[in-house]
Protein backbone atom coordinates (compact mmCIF):
# COMPACT_ATOMS: atom_id res chain seq x y z
CA MET A 1 4.69 23.58 -15.12
CA PRO A 2 7.31 23.73 -12.17
CA ALA A 3 10.70 22.83 -12.72
CA SER A 4 10.31 19.65 -10.41
CA ALA A 5 7.66 18.47 -12.74
CA ALA A 6 10.18 17.05 -14.81
CA GLU A 7 12.22 15.41 -11.88
CA PRO A 8 13.66 11.91 -12.73
CA GLY A 9 11.49 9.21 -11.14
CA ARG A 10 8.26 11.41 -10.87
CA ALA A 11 6.50 9.45 -13.39
CA THR A 12 7.34 6.30 -11.75
CA ALA A 13 6.03 7.38 -8.36
CA PHE A 14 3.02 8.53 -9.96
CA ALA A 15 2.42 5.21 -11.92
CA VAL A 16 3.07 3.37 -8.60
CA TYR A 17 0.20 5.56 -6.79
CA VAL A 18 -2.07 4.74 -9.63
CA LEU A 19 -1.43 1.09 -9.37
CA TYR A 20 -1.94 1.24 -5.64
CA LEU A 21 -5.27 2.76 -6.14
CA LEU A 22 -6.20 0.25 -8.47
CA SER A 23 -5.13 -2.65 -6.15
CA ILE A 24 -8.27 -3.22 -4.40
CA PRO A 25 -10.36 -4.08 -7.43
CA SER A 26 -7.31 -6.20 -8.57
CA LEU A 27 -6.91 -8.06 -5.20
CA ALA A 28 -3.67 -6.64 -4.65
CA ILE A 29 -1.94 -7.92 -7.86
CA PHE A 30 -1.44 -4.23 -8.83
CA ALA A 31 -0.12 -3.46 -5.34
CA LEU A 32 2.62 -6.28 -5.72
CA VAL A 33 3.44 -4.84 -9.28
CA GLY A 34 3.62 -1.30 -7.94
CA VAL A 35 5.97 -2.32 -5.16
CA ILE A 36 8.27 -3.95 -7.68
CA VAL A 37 8.18 -0.84 -9.85
CA ALA A 38 8.88 1.51 -6.80
CA LEU A 39 11.96 -0.71 -5.74
CA THR A 40 13.37 -0.49 -9.41
CA GLY A 41 12.44 2.97 -9.83
CA ARG A 42 14.34 4.53 -6.84
CA VAL A 43 17.73 4.26 -8.84
CA GLY A 44 18.41 7.72 -10.16
CA ALA A 45 15.15 9.35 -8.86
CA GLY A 46 15.17 12.86 -7.82
CA PRO A 47 14.85 13.86 -4.04
CA ILE A 48 11.07 14.51 -3.96
CA ALA A 49 10.34 11.23 -6.22
CA ARG A 50 12.79 9.18 -4.11
CA SER A 51 10.85 10.28 -0.95
CA HIS A 52 7.57 9.08 -2.58
CA LEU A 53 9.12 5.98 -3.70
CA ASP A 54 10.50 5.23 -0.23
CA PHE A 55 6.97 5.84 1.27
CA GLN A 56 5.36 3.71 -1.35
CA ILE A 57 7.67 0.79 -0.19
CA ASN A 58 7.21 1.62 3.22
CA ILE A 59 3.31 1.52 3.23
CA TRP A 60 3.52 -1.65 1.33
CA MET A 61 5.76 -3.53 3.51
CA THR A 62 3.62 -2.39 6.30
CA ALA A 63 0.29 -3.70 4.67
CA PHE A 64 2.05 -6.89 3.84
CA TRP A 65 3.18 -7.72 7.38
CA VAL A 66 -0.12 -6.76 8.74
CA THR A 67 -1.69 -8.93 6.20
CA ILE A 68 0.59 -11.71 7.21
CA GLY A 69 -0.61 -11.30 10.90
CA LEU A 70 -4.24 -11.26 9.98
CA ALA A 71 -3.85 -14.53 7.81
CA LEU A 72 -2.33 -16.09 10.90
CA LEU A 73 -5.20 -14.84 13.27
CA ALA A 74 -7.80 -15.83 10.50
CA VAL A 75 -6.24 -19.54 10.68
CA ILE A 76 -6.45 -19.38 14.64
CA GLY A 77 -10.13 -18.35 14.43
CA ALA A 78 -11.10 -20.96 11.85
CA VAL A 79 -9.57 -23.63 14.01
CA LEU A 80 -11.58 -22.12 17.25
CA THR A 81 -14.70 -22.17 15.46
CA ILE A 82 -15.35 -25.74 16.71
CA ILE A 83 -15.84 -24.20 20.03
CA LEU A 84 -17.51 -21.09 18.75
CA ILE A 85 -14.78 -18.58 19.85
CA GLY A 86 -13.65 -18.62 16.29
CA PHE A 87 -16.73 -16.77 14.88
CA PRO A 88 -15.96 -13.48 16.80
CA ILE A 89 -12.08 -13.77 15.89
CA LEU A 90 -13.05 -13.99 12.22
CA TRP A 91 -15.48 -11.28 12.30
CA ILE A 92 -12.68 -9.11 13.88
CA VAL A 93 -10.06 -10.19 11.38
CA GLY A 94 -12.59 -9.09 8.44
CA LEU A 95 -13.14 -5.70 10.05
CA LEU A 96 -9.41 -5.10 10.54
CA ALA A 97 -8.80 -6.37 6.94
CA LEU A 98 -11.37 -3.66 5.92
CA ALA A 99 -9.51 -0.96 7.95
CA LEU A 100 -6.00 -2.02 6.34
CA MET A 101 -7.57 -1.53 2.71
CA ILE A 102 -8.97 1.89 3.70
CA TRP A 103 -5.73 2.83 5.39
CA PHE A 104 -3.64 1.77 2.20
CA THR A 105 -6.22 3.61 -0.33
CA VAL A 106 -6.24 6.92 1.69
CA LEU A 107 -2.47 6.78 2.23
CA SER A 108 -2.00 6.06 -1.47
CA LEU A 109 -4.46 8.98 -2.33
CA LEU A 110 -2.70 11.41 0.09
CA GLY A 111 0.58 10.64 -1.24
CA LEU A 112 -0.74 11.20 -4.98
CA LEU A 113 -1.96 14.44 -3.88
CA ALA A 114 1.52 15.26 -2.47
CA LEU A 115 3.21 14.39 -5.50
CA ILE A 116 0.89 16.44 -7.76
CA ASP A 117 1.73 19.50 -5.33
CA ASN A 118 5.41 18.77 -5.57
CA ARG A 119 5.65 17.99 -1.73
CA PRO A 120 7.88 15.21 -0.33
CA ARG A 121 6.26 12.46 1.45
């Protein structure tokens, strides 16, 4: 096992990736727990683990703000269903939400693979 495998914070980064990958079946509850763990685990983490923890926080924040934007767009679409233009807007919101879930999952998986290979993120 390489010397960096015992780096402080590495187990925390691994746990956060697992929580992120389990976030879709948990309706993002595990993602929220994961970002809290990542925020608290940055203190005292080694350089590679710190880069992964920062990356995890970054992708969660991006997904959070995109979700807020999609929720606002969904509200606008719901209001506009009265004049029928809201239905395509809601359909587009659904497709974008699916794309966001896929993006989040792929980045989490690629980050986990990079952590296993002892590469910074």
